[in-house]
Amino acid sequence: MPIEGILGQYIYRKSVLHTLDPRIKLFLLFACIALAFIADDFIGLGVLYLLLFATAALSRIPVKSILKAVAPLCILLIFPIVFNIFFITEGEALVHAGPILITTQGVYRGFYMCFRLFFLFAIATMFTLTTSSIAISDAFRALLDPFARFGVPATELSMMVSIALRFVPTLAQSYEDIRTAQQARGVDLREKRPLARLKGMAAIMVPLFAQAFHHAEELAVAMESRCFHGGERTHYRELKTQRRDYVALIVIAAVACVLIVWRICL
């Protein structure tokens, strides 16, 4: 049984967000990433977080599932905090002990970068939670089609994206199964000593990589047996832009205008 809330897993709900054109959602994702770099203070980030909360509410996906999907990426939030706190020396000194200097500006930028990075993780996760891998593949193909005349393999690239997204929840499920099986065999994964912990993780990672290669080989054989060769493909469902898609574009354009005006007025 699949675990709900795994990174990259699609969760079906009857919501406005799920029914948006995947091409529009992909464009909105890129727009939100750009806006995260336009917002240069916590007020700008606050506007983006309001957009994120509204998106989560419209998706009708439980907050617990969203946080569970984002959780594996949160360890990366440590790096911008540590880097900015210990390497930015501008501002009033808070702690000055020998070579260690922590300033107000360093703390401010560290937490600002942390919140910005979390927003990027969360908005990208919302995209994968509300868009199936097939829809994402079709959206990438549609956006890359204009470049096909220059030799860009649009169909092959979109297929690679689709396969990669399908493998994320599969590997996550395999990890949980292997971890449970190894614990049942007596492997202690709660050991605090580094070497013992590394040995315990090896008992999980080795069979996990073996299973990943096995899945990849099975997929390759299945695609070869079906004579997959890329190129032009027909699609069961044609992508169509509706009124709700234009409303979403208007909303993101309004948010962009607010952030740009706010930054200019600073």
C-alpha atoms as a PDB file:
ATOM      1  CA  MET A   1       0.000   0.000   0.000  1.00  0.00           C
ATOM      2  CA  PRO A   2       1.544   3.367  -0.990  1.00  0.00           C
ATOM      3  CA  ILE A   3       2.452   5.796   1.750  1.00  0.00           C
ATOM      4  CA  GLU A   4       0.583   9.090   1.350  1.00  0.00           C
ATOM      5  CA  GLY A   5       2.799  12.130   1.511  1.00  0.00           C
ATOM      6  CA  ILE A   6       5.990  10.730  -0.024  1.00  0.00           C
ATOM      7  CA  LEU A   7       8.096  13.247  -1.932  1.00  0.00           C
ATOM      8  CA  GLY A   8       7.131  13.163  -5.608  1.00  0.00           C
ATOM      9  CA  GLN A   9       3.933  11.180  -5.054  1.00  0.00           C
ATOM     10  CA  TYR A  10       0.712  12.324  -6.717  1.00  0.00           C
ATOM     11  CA  ILE A  11      -2.296  12.558  -4.382  1.00  0.00           C
ATOM     12  CA  TYR A  12      -5.635  12.764  -6.182  1.00  0.00           C
ATOM     13  CA  ARG A  13      -8.272  15.160  -4.875  1.00  0.00           C
ATOM     14  CA  LYS A  14     -11.253  16.861  -6.475  1.00  0.00           C
ATOM     15  CA  SER A  15      -9.889  20.383  -6.320  1.00  0.00           C
ATOM     16  CA  VAL A  16      -9.397  23.409  -8.550  1.00  0.00           C
ATOM     17  CA  LEU A  17      -5.640  23.002  -8.341  1.00  0.00           C
ATOM     18  CA  HIS A  18      -5.743  19.427  -9.628  1.00  0.00           C
ATOM     19  CA  THR A  19      -7.806  20.412 -12.669  1.00  0.00           C
ATOM     20  CA  LEU A  20      -5.518  23.222 -13.865  1.00  0.00           C
ATOM     21  CA  ASP A  21      -3.731  22.742 -17.155  1.00  0.00           C
ATOM     22  CA  PRO A  22      -0.331  21.148 -16.298  1.00  0.00           C
ATOM     23  CA  ARG A  23       1.389  23.564 -18.710  1.00  0.00           C
ATOM     24  CA  ILE A  24      -0.017  26.480 -16.733  1.00  0.00           C
ATOM     25  CA  LYS A  25       0.966  24.847 -13.436  1.00  0.00           C
ATOM     26  CA  LEU A  26       4.510  24.311 -14.681  1.00  0.00           C
ATOM     27  CA  PHE A  27       4.697  27.962 -15.772  1.00  0.00           C
ATOM     28  CA  LEU A  28       3.302  29.046 -12.376  1.00  0.00           C
ATOM     29  CA  LEU A  29       5.959  26.944 -10.641  1.00  0.00           C
ATOM     30  CA  PHE A  30       8.746  28.680 -12.588  1.00  0.00           C
ATOM     31  CA  ALA A  31       7.087  32.038 -11.852  1.00  0.00           C
ATOM     32  CA  CYS A  32       6.980  31.300  -8.101  1.00  0.00           C
ATOM     33  CA  ILE A  33      10.668  30.324  -8.170  1.00  0.00           C
ATOM     34  CA  ALA A  34      11.480  33.647  -9.861  1.00  0.00           C
ATOM     35  CA  LEU A  35       9.324  35.582  -7.371  1.00  0.00           C
ATOM     36  CA  ALA A  36      11.165  33.950  -4.463  1.00  0.00           C
ATOM     37  CA  PHE A  37      14.327  35.678  -5.694  1.00  0.00           C
ATOM     38  CA  ILE A  38      12.522  38.981  -6.261  1.00  0.00           C
ATOM     39  CA  ALA A  39      11.251  39.013  -2.664  1.00  0.00           C
ATOM     40  CA  ASP A  40      14.220  40.474  -0.814  1.00  0.00           C
ATOM     41  CA  ASP A  41      12.826  40.681   2.723  1.00  0.00           C
ATOM     42  CA  PHE A  42      10.432  38.927   5.089  1.00  0.00           C
ATOM     43  CA  ILE A  43       7.465  41.045   3.954  1.00  0.00           C
ATOM     44  CA  GLY A  44       7.927  39.833   0.383  1.00  0.00           C
ATOM     45  CA  LEU A  45       8.308  36.269   1.628  1.00  0.00           C
ATOM     46  CA  GLY A  46       5.156  36.766   3.699  1.00  0.00           C
ATOM     47  CA  VAL A  47       3.212  37.523   0.515  1.00  0.00           C
ATOM     48  CA  LEU A  48       4.591  34.348  -1.070  1.00  0.00           C
ATOM     49  CA  TYR A  49       3.701  32.292   2.010  1.00  0.00           C
ATOM     50  CA  LEU A  50       0.130  33.596   1.827  1.00  0.00           C
ATOM     51  CA  LEU A  51       0.109  32.338  -1.764  1.00  0.00           C
ATOM     52  CA  LEU A  52       1.506  29.000  -0.559  1.00  0.00           C
ATOM     53  CA  PHE A  53      -1.147  28.643   2.161  1.00  0.00           C
ATOM     54  CA  ALA A  54      -3.902  29.488  -0.336  1.00  0.00           C
ATOM     55  CA  THR A  55      -2.486  26.885  -2.728  1.00  0.00           C
ATOM     56  CA  ALA A  56      -2.424  24.248   0.026  1.00  0.00           C
ATOM     57  CA  ALA A  57      -6.039  25.072   0.954  1.00  0.00           C
ATOM     58  CA  LEU A  58      -7.190  24.866  -2.673  1.00  0.00           C
ATOM     59  CA  SER A  59      -5.455  21.501  -3.133  1.00  0.00           C
ATOM     60  CA  ARG A  60      -7.535  19.864  -0.353  1.00  0.00           C
ATOM     61  CA  ILE A  61      -4.499  17.804   0.599  1.00  0.00           C
ATOM     62  CA  PRO A  62      -3.991  17.357   4.368  1.00  0.00           C
ATOM     63  CA  VAL A  63      -1.267  19.582   5.799  1.00  0.00           C
ATOM     64  CA  LYS A  64       0.242  16.464   7.420  1.00  0.00           C
ATOM     65  CA  SER A  65       0.791  14.880   3.995  1.00  0.00           C
ATOM     66  CA  ILE A  66       2.361  18.069   2.610  1.00  0.00           C
ATOM     67  CA  LEU A  67       4.767  18.391   5.554  1.00  0.00           C
ATOM     68  CA  LYS A  68       5.633  14.699   5.325  1.00  0.00           C
ATOM     69  CA  ALA A  69       6.529  15.146   1.656  1.00  0.00           C
ATOM     70  CA  VAL A  70       8.685  18.224   2.341  1.00  0.00           C
ATOM     71  CA  ALA A  71      10.374  16.745   5.446  1.00  0.00           C
ATOM     72  CA  PRO A  72      13.194  14.831   3.624  1.00  0.00           C
ATOM     73  CA  LEU A  73      14.399  18.132   2.108  1.00  0.00           C
ATOM     74  CA  CYS A  74      14.366  20.115   5.354  1.00  0.00           C
ATOM     75  CA  ILE A  75      17.832  18.929   6.373  1.00  0.00           C
ATOM     76  CA  LEU A  76      19.174  21.145   3.576  1.00  0.00           C
ATOM     77  CA  LEU A  77      17.841  24.195   5.446  1.00  0.00           C
ATOM     78  CA  ILE A  78      20.699  23.883   7.932  1.00  0.00           C
ATOM     79  CA  PHE A  79      23.321  24.932   5.373  1.00  0.00           C
ATOM     80  CA  PRO A  80      22.077  28.474   4.560  1.00  0.00           C
ATOM     81  CA  ILE A  81      21.556  29.210   8.271  1.00  0.00           C
ATOM     82  CA  VAL A  82      25.036  28.066   9.285  1.00  0.00           C
ATOM     83  CA  PHE A  83      26.745  29.674   6.280  1.00  0.00           C
ATOM     84  CA  ASN A  84      25.131  33.084   6.742  1.00  0.00           C
ATOM     85  CA  ILE A  85      25.410  33.188  10.544  1.00  0.00           C
ATOM     86  CA  PHE A  86      29.114  32.370  10.613  1.00  0.00           C
ATOM     87  CA  PHE A  87      30.306  34.080   7.428  1.00  0.00           C
ATOM     88  CA  ILE A  88      28.400  37.396   7.322  1.00  0.00           C
ATOM     89  CA  THR A  89      30.115  39.973   9.500  1.00  0.00           C
ATOM     90  CA  GLU A  90      27.998  43.055   8.751  1.00  0.00           C
ATOM     91  CA  GLY A  91      25.692  44.410  11.431  1.00  0.00           C
ATOM     92  CA  GLU A  92      25.765  44.600  15.217  1.00  0.00           C
ATOM     93  CA  ALA A  93      27.749  41.858  16.949  1.00  0.00           C
ATOM     94  CA  LEU A  94      25.695  39.411  19.022  1.00  0.00           C
ATOM     95  CA  VAL A  95      28.431  36.915  19.859  1.00  0.00           C
ATOM     96  CA  HIS A  96      32.170  37.546  19.561  1.00  0.00           C
ATOM     97  CA  ALA A  97      34.317  34.773  20.999  1.00  0.00           C
ATOM     98  CA  GLY A  98      37.718  34.528  19.354  1.00  0.00           C
ATOM     99  CA  PRO A  99      37.300  33.741  15.645  1.00  0.00           C
ATOM    100  CA  ILE A 100      33.545  33.251  16.041  1.00  0.00           C
ATOM    101  CA  LEU A 101      31.533  36.364  15.169  1.00  0.00           C
ATOM    102  CA  ILE A 102      27.744  36.259  14.967  1.00  0.00           C
ATOM    103  CA  THR A 103      26.012  39.472  13.882  1.00  0.00           C
ATOM    104  CA  THR A 104      22.421  40.620  13.558  1.00  0.00           C
ATOM    105  CA  GLN A 105      22.724  40.783   9.771  1.00  0.00           C
ATOM    106  CA  GLY A 106      24.100  37.237   9.638  1.00  0.00           C
ATOM    107  CA  VAL A 107      21.208  35.880  11.720  1.00  0.00           C
ATOM    108  CA  TYR A 108      18.688  37.862   9.665  1.00  0.00           C
ATOM    109  CA  ARG A 109      20.065  36.638   6.303  1.00  0.00           C
ATOM    110  CA  GLY A 110      20.428  33.090   7.590  1.00  0.00           C
ATOM    111  CA  PHE A 111      16.791  32.753   8.590  1.00  0.00           C
ATOM    112  CA  TYR A 112      15.657  34.691   5.519  1.00  0.00           C
ATOM    113  CA  MET A 113      17.475  32.215   3.235  1.00  0.00           C
ATOM    114  CA  CYS A 114      16.036  29.334   5.264  1.00  0.00           C
ATOM    115  CA  PHE A 115      12.454  30.555   4.789  1.00  0.00           C
ATOM    116  CA  ARG A 116      13.086  31.248   1.100  1.00  0.00           C
ATOM    117  CA  LEU A 117      14.487  27.753   0.547  1.00  0.00           C
ATOM    118  CA  PHE A 118      11.579  26.172   2.426  1.00  0.00           C
ATOM    119  CA  PHE A 119       9.135  28.060   0.209  1.00  0.00           C
ATOM    120  CA  LEU A 120      10.874  26.715  -2.900  1.00  0.00           C
ATOM    121  CA  PHE A 121      10.729  23.164  -1.522  1.00  0.00           C
ATOM    122  CA  ALA A 122       7.075  23.509  -0.521  1.00  0.00           C
ATOM    123  CA  ILE A 123       5.833  25.039  -3.790  1.00  0.00           C
ATOM    124  CA  ALA A 124       7.674  22.411  -5.854  1.00  0.00           C
ATOM    125  CA  THR A 125       6.205  19.693  -3.626  1.00  0.00           C
ATOM    126  CA  MET A 126       2.703  21.118  -4.094  1.00  0.00           C
ATOM    127  CA  PHE A 127       3.261  20.873  -7.846  1.00  0.00           C
ATOM    128  CA  THR A 128       4.178  17.166  -7.691  1.00  0.00           C
ATOM    129  CA  LEU A 129       1.408  16.369  -5.183  1.00  0.00           C
ATOM    130  CA  THR A 130      -1.286  17.877  -7.412  1.00  0.00           C
ATOM    131  CA  THR A 131       0.025  16.884 -10.856  1.00  0.00           C
ATOM    132  CA  SER A 132       0.375  13.312 -12.092  1.00  0.00           C
ATOM    133  CA  SER A 133       3.644  12.206 -13.659  1.00  0.00           C
ATOM    134  CA  ILE A 134       1.916  11.749 -17.026  1.00  0.00           C
ATOM    135  CA  ALA A 135       0.572  15.315 -16.884  1.00  0.00           C
ATOM    136  CA  ILE A 136       4.028  16.646 -15.946  1.00  0.00           C
ATOM    137  CA  SER A 137       5.546  14.716 -18.844  1.00  0.00           C
ATOM    138  CA  ASP A 138       2.958  16.170 -21.250  1.00  0.00           C
ATOM    139  CA  ALA A 139       3.589  19.683 -19.915  1.00  0.00           C
ATOM    140  CA  PHE A 140       7.352  19.366 -20.413  1.00  0.00           C
ATOM    141  CA  ARG A 141       6.799  17.992 -23.900  1.00  0.00           C
ATOM    142  CA  ALA A 142       4.492  20.892 -24.800  1.00  0.00           C
ATOM    143  CA  LEU A 143       7.007  23.455 -23.548  1.00  0.00           C
ATOM    144  CA  LEU A 144       9.931  21.761 -25.321  1.00  0.00           C
ATOM    145  CA  ASP A 145       8.120  21.164 -28.621  1.00  0.00           C
ATOM    146  CA  PRO A 146       9.113  24.576 -30.077  1.00  0.00           C
ATOM    147  CA  PHE A 147      12.772  23.600 -29.580  1.00  0.00           C
ATOM    148  CA  ALA A 148      12.364  20.259 -31.370  1.00  0.00           C
ATOM    149  CA  ARG A 149      13.158  21.936 -34.710  1.00  0.00           C
ATOM    150  CA  PHE A 150      16.612  22.718 -33.300  1.00  0.00           C
ATOM    151  CA  GLY A 151      17.254  19.066 -32.479  1.00  0.00           C
ATOM    152  CA  VAL A 152      16.052  19.032 -28.871  1.00  0.00           C
ATOM    153  CA  PRO A 153      14.563  15.546 -28.127  1.00  0.00           C
ATOM    154  CA  ALA A 154      11.391  16.849 -26.478  1.00  0.00           C
ATOM    155  CA  THR A 155       9.607  13.483 -26.249  1.00  0.00           C
ATOM    156  CA  GLU A 156      12.618  11.655 -24.810  1.00  0.00           C
ATOM    157  CA  LEU A 157      13.281  14.386 -22.227  1.00  0.00           C
ATOM    158  CA  SER A 158       9.656  14.465 -21.115  1.00  0.00           C
ATOM    159  CA  MET A 159       9.694  10.668 -20.806  1.00  0.00           C
ATOM    160  CA  MET A 160      12.832  10.862 -18.637  1.00  0.00           C
ATOM    161  CA  VAL A 161      11.127  13.388 -16.359  1.00  0.00           C
ATOM    162  CA  SER A 162       8.057  11.166 -16.072  1.00  0.00           C
ATOM    163  CA  ILE A 163      10.118   8.066 -15.239  1.00  0.00           C
ATOM    164  CA  ALA A 164      12.221   9.937 -12.667  1.00  0.00           C
ATOM    165  CA  LEU A 165       9.112  11.238 -10.889  1.00  0.00           C
ATOM    166  CA  ARG A 166       7.549   7.762 -10.892  1.00  0.00           C
ATOM    167  CA  PHE A 167      10.690   6.283  -9.329  1.00  0.00           C
ATOM    168  CA  VAL A 168      10.745   8.664  -6.328  1.00  0.00           C
ATOM    169  CA  PRO A 169       7.681   7.211  -4.499  1.00  0.00           C
ATOM    170  CA  THR A 170       8.680   3.698  -5.629  1.00  0.00           C
ATOM    171  CA  LEU A 171      12.130   4.022  -4.051  1.00  0.00           C
ATOM    172  CA  ALA A 172      10.664   5.655  -0.951  1.00  0.00           C
ATOM    173  CA  GLN A 173       8.285   2.722  -0.537  1.00  0.00           C
ATOM    174  CA  SER A 174      11.157   0.285  -1.094  1.00  0.00           C
ATOM    175  CA  TYR A 175      13.211   2.101   1.547  1.00  0.00           C
ATOM    176  CA  GLU A 176      10.426   1.735   4.107  1.00  0.00           C
ATOM    177  CA  ASP A 177       9.975  -1.977   3.290  1.00  0.00           C
ATOM    178  CA  ILE A 178      13.723  -2.722   3.515  1.00  0.00           C
ATOM    179  CA  ARG A 179      14.111  -0.738   6.736  1.00  0.00           C
ATOM    180  CA  THR A 180      11.238  -2.633   8.366  1.00  0.00           C
ATOM    181  CA  ALA A 181      12.631  -5.970   7.157  1.00  0.00           C
ATOM    182  CA  GLN A 182      16.148  -5.224   8.459  1.00  0.00           C
ATOM    183  CA  GLN A 183      14.805  -4.127  11.832  1.00  0.00           C
ATOM    184  CA  ALA A 184      12.851  -7.391  12.021  1.00  0.00           C
ATOM    185  CA  ARG A 185      16.168  -9.212  11.424  1.00  0.00           C
ATOM    186  CA  GLY A 186      17.757  -7.422  14.377  1.00  0.00           C
ATOM    187  CA  VAL A 187      19.607  -4.557  12.672  1.00  0.00           C
ATOM    188  CA  ASP A 188      19.814  -1.638  15.110  1.00  0.00           C
ATOM    189  CA  LEU A 189      19.181   1.571  13.180  1.00  0.00           C
ATOM    190  CA  ARG A 190      18.988   3.732  16.311  1.00  0.00           C
ATOM    191  CA  GLU A 191      22.640   3.331  17.202  1.00  0.00           C
ATOM    192  CA  LYS A 192      24.281   6.714  17.920  1.00  0.00           C
ATOM    193  CA  ARG A 193      27.878   5.698  17.250  1.00  0.00           C
ATOM    194  CA  PRO A 194      28.855   6.884  13.732  1.00  0.00           C
ATOM    195  CA  LEU A 195      30.460   3.610  12.569  1.00  0.00           C
ATOM    196  CA  ALA A 196      27.620   1.481  13.895  1.00  0.00           C
ATOM    197  CA  ARG A 197      25.051   3.813  12.363  1.00  0.00           C
ATOM    198  CA  LEU A 198      26.890   3.732   9.037  1.00  0.00           C
ATOM    199  CA  LYS A 199      26.914  -0.067   9.149  1.00  0.00           C
ATOM    200  CA  GLY A 200      23.173  -0.078   9.809  1.00  0.00           C
ATOM    201  CA  MET A 201      22.519   2.295   6.896  1.00  0.00           C
ATOM    202  CA  ALA A 202      24.637   0.072   4.619  1.00  0.00           C
ATOM    203  CA  ALA A 203      22.247  -2.767   5.422  1.00  0.00           C
ATOM    204  CA  ILE A 204      19.496  -0.608   3.888  1.00  0.00           C
ATOM    205  CA  MET A 205      21.271   1.202   1.051  1.00  0.00           C
ATOM    206  CA  VAL A 206      22.889  -1.858  -0.549  1.00  0.00           C
ATOM    207  CA  PRO A 207      19.601  -3.748  -1.136  1.00  0.00           C
ATOM    208  CA  LEU A 208      17.891  -0.449  -2.005  1.00  0.00           C
ATOM    209  CA  PHE A 209      20.357   0.251  -4.837  1.00  0.00           C
ATOM    210  CA  ALA A 210      20.081  -3.380  -5.980  1.00  0.00           C
ATOM    211  CA  GLN A 211      16.292  -3.054  -6.091  1.00  0.00           C
ATOM    212  CA  ALA A 212      16.544   0.288  -7.940  1.00  0.00           C
ATOM    213  CA  PHE A 213      18.739  -1.282 -10.648  1.00  0.00           C
ATOM    214  CA  HIS A 214      16.318  -4.195 -10.844  1.00  0.00           C
ATOM    215  CA  HIS A 215      13.354  -1.826 -11.354  1.00  0.00           C
ATOM    216  CA  ALA A 216      15.315   0.105 -14.018  1.00  0.00           C
ATOM    217  CA  GLU A 217      16.187  -3.111 -15.876  1.00  0.00           C
ATOM    218  CA  GLU A 218      12.570  -4.309 -15.800  1.00  0.00           C
ATOM    219  CA  LEU A 219      11.395  -0.941 -17.126  1.00  0.00           C
ATOM    220  CA  ALA A 220      13.975  -0.989 -19.937  1.00  0.00           C
ATOM    221  CA  VAL A 221      12.914  -4.505 -20.980  1.00  0.00           C
ATOM    222  CA  ALA A 222       9.235  -3.501 -20.880  1.00  0.00           C
ATOM    223  CA  MET A 223       9.867  -0.436 -23.054  1.00  0.00           C
ATOM    224  CA  GLU A 224      11.936  -2.437 -25.550  1.00  0.00           C
ATOM    225  CA  SER A 225       9.273  -5.152 -25.768  1.00  0.00           C
ATOM    226  CA  ARG A 226       6.716  -2.453 -26.605  1.00  0.00           C
ATOM    227  CA  CYS A 227       9.026  -1.076 -29.322  1.00  0.00           C
ATOM    228  CA  PHE A 228       9.383   2.345 -27.686  1.00  0.00           C
ATOM    229  CA  HIS A 229      11.626   4.525 -29.837  1.00  0.00           C
ATOM    230  CA  GLY A 230      10.674   8.098 -28.928  1.00  0.00           C
ATOM    231  CA  GLY A 231       9.639  10.523 -31.637  1.00  0.00           C
ATOM    232  CA  GLU A 232       6.108  11.751 -32.087  1.00  0.00           C
ATOM    233  CA  ARG A 233       3.425  10.195 -29.891  1.00  0.00           C
ATOM    234  CA  THR A 234      -0.341  10.401 -29.786  1.00  0.00           C
ATOM    235  CA  HIS A 235      -2.088  11.323 -26.534  1.00  0.00           C
ATOM    236  CA  TYR A 236      -5.332  10.089 -25.059  1.00  0.00           C
ATOM    237  CA  ARG A 237      -6.060  13.464 -23.460  1.00  0.00           C
ATOM    238  CA  GLU A 238      -5.328  16.732 -25.206  1.00  0.00           C
ATOM    239  CA  LEU A 239      -4.259  19.628 -23.000  1.00  0.00           C
ATOM    240  CA  LYS A 240      -6.782  22.458 -22.987  1.00  0.00           C
ATOM    241  CA  THR A 241      -6.601  25.843 -21.272  1.00  0.00           C
ATOM    242  CA  GLN A 242      -9.769  26.869 -19.424  1.00  0.00           C
ATOM    243  CA  ARG A 243     -11.028  29.935 -17.589  1.00  0.00           C
ATOM    244  CA  ARG A 244      -9.584  28.807 -14.246  1.00  0.00           C
ATOM    245  CA  ASP A 245      -6.134  28.704 -15.847  1.00  0.00           C
ATOM    246  CA  TYR A 246      -6.378  32.346 -16.873  1.00  0.00           C
ATOM    247  CA  VAL A 247      -7.546  33.251 -13.361  1.00  0.00           C
ATOM    248  CA  ALA A 248      -4.448  31.538 -11.935  1.00  0.00           C
ATOM    249  CA  LEU A 249      -2.241  33.509 -14.331  1.00  0.00           C
ATOM    250  CA  ILE A 250      -3.925  36.761 -13.289  1.00  0.00           C
ATOM    251  CA  VAL A 251      -3.380  35.939  -9.597  1.00  0.00           C
ATOM    252  CA  ILE A 252       0.328  35.194 -10.059  1.00  0.00           C
ATOM    253  CA  ALA A 253       0.694  38.343 -12.189  1.00  0.00           C
ATOM    254  CA  ALA A 254      -0.917  40.387  -9.393  1.00  0.00           C
ATOM    255  CA  VAL A 255       1.449  38.874  -6.810  1.00  0.00           C
ATOM    256  CA  ALA A 256       4.403  39.631  -9.097  1.00  0.00           C
ATOM    257  CA  CYS A 257       3.301  43.268  -9.455  1.00  0.00           C
ATOM    258  CA  VAL A 258       2.969  43.647  -5.670  1.00  0.00           C
ATOM    259  CA  LEU A 259       6.448  42.222  -5.053  1.00  0.00           C
ATOM    260  CA  ILE A 260       8.084  44.294  -7.807  1.00  0.00           C
ATOM    261  CA  VAL A 261       6.441  47.542  -6.616  1.00  0.00           C
ATOM    262  CA  TRP A 262       7.397  46.757  -3.008  1.00  0.00           C
ATOM    263  CA  ARG A 263      11.023  46.114  -3.971  1.00  0.00           C
ATOM    264  CA  ILE A 264      11.207  49.316  -6.033  1.00  0.00           C
ATOM    265  CA  CYS A 265       9.730  51.348  -3.171  1.00  0.00           C
ATOM    266  CA  LEU A 266      12.269  50.035  -0.623  1.00  0.00           C
END
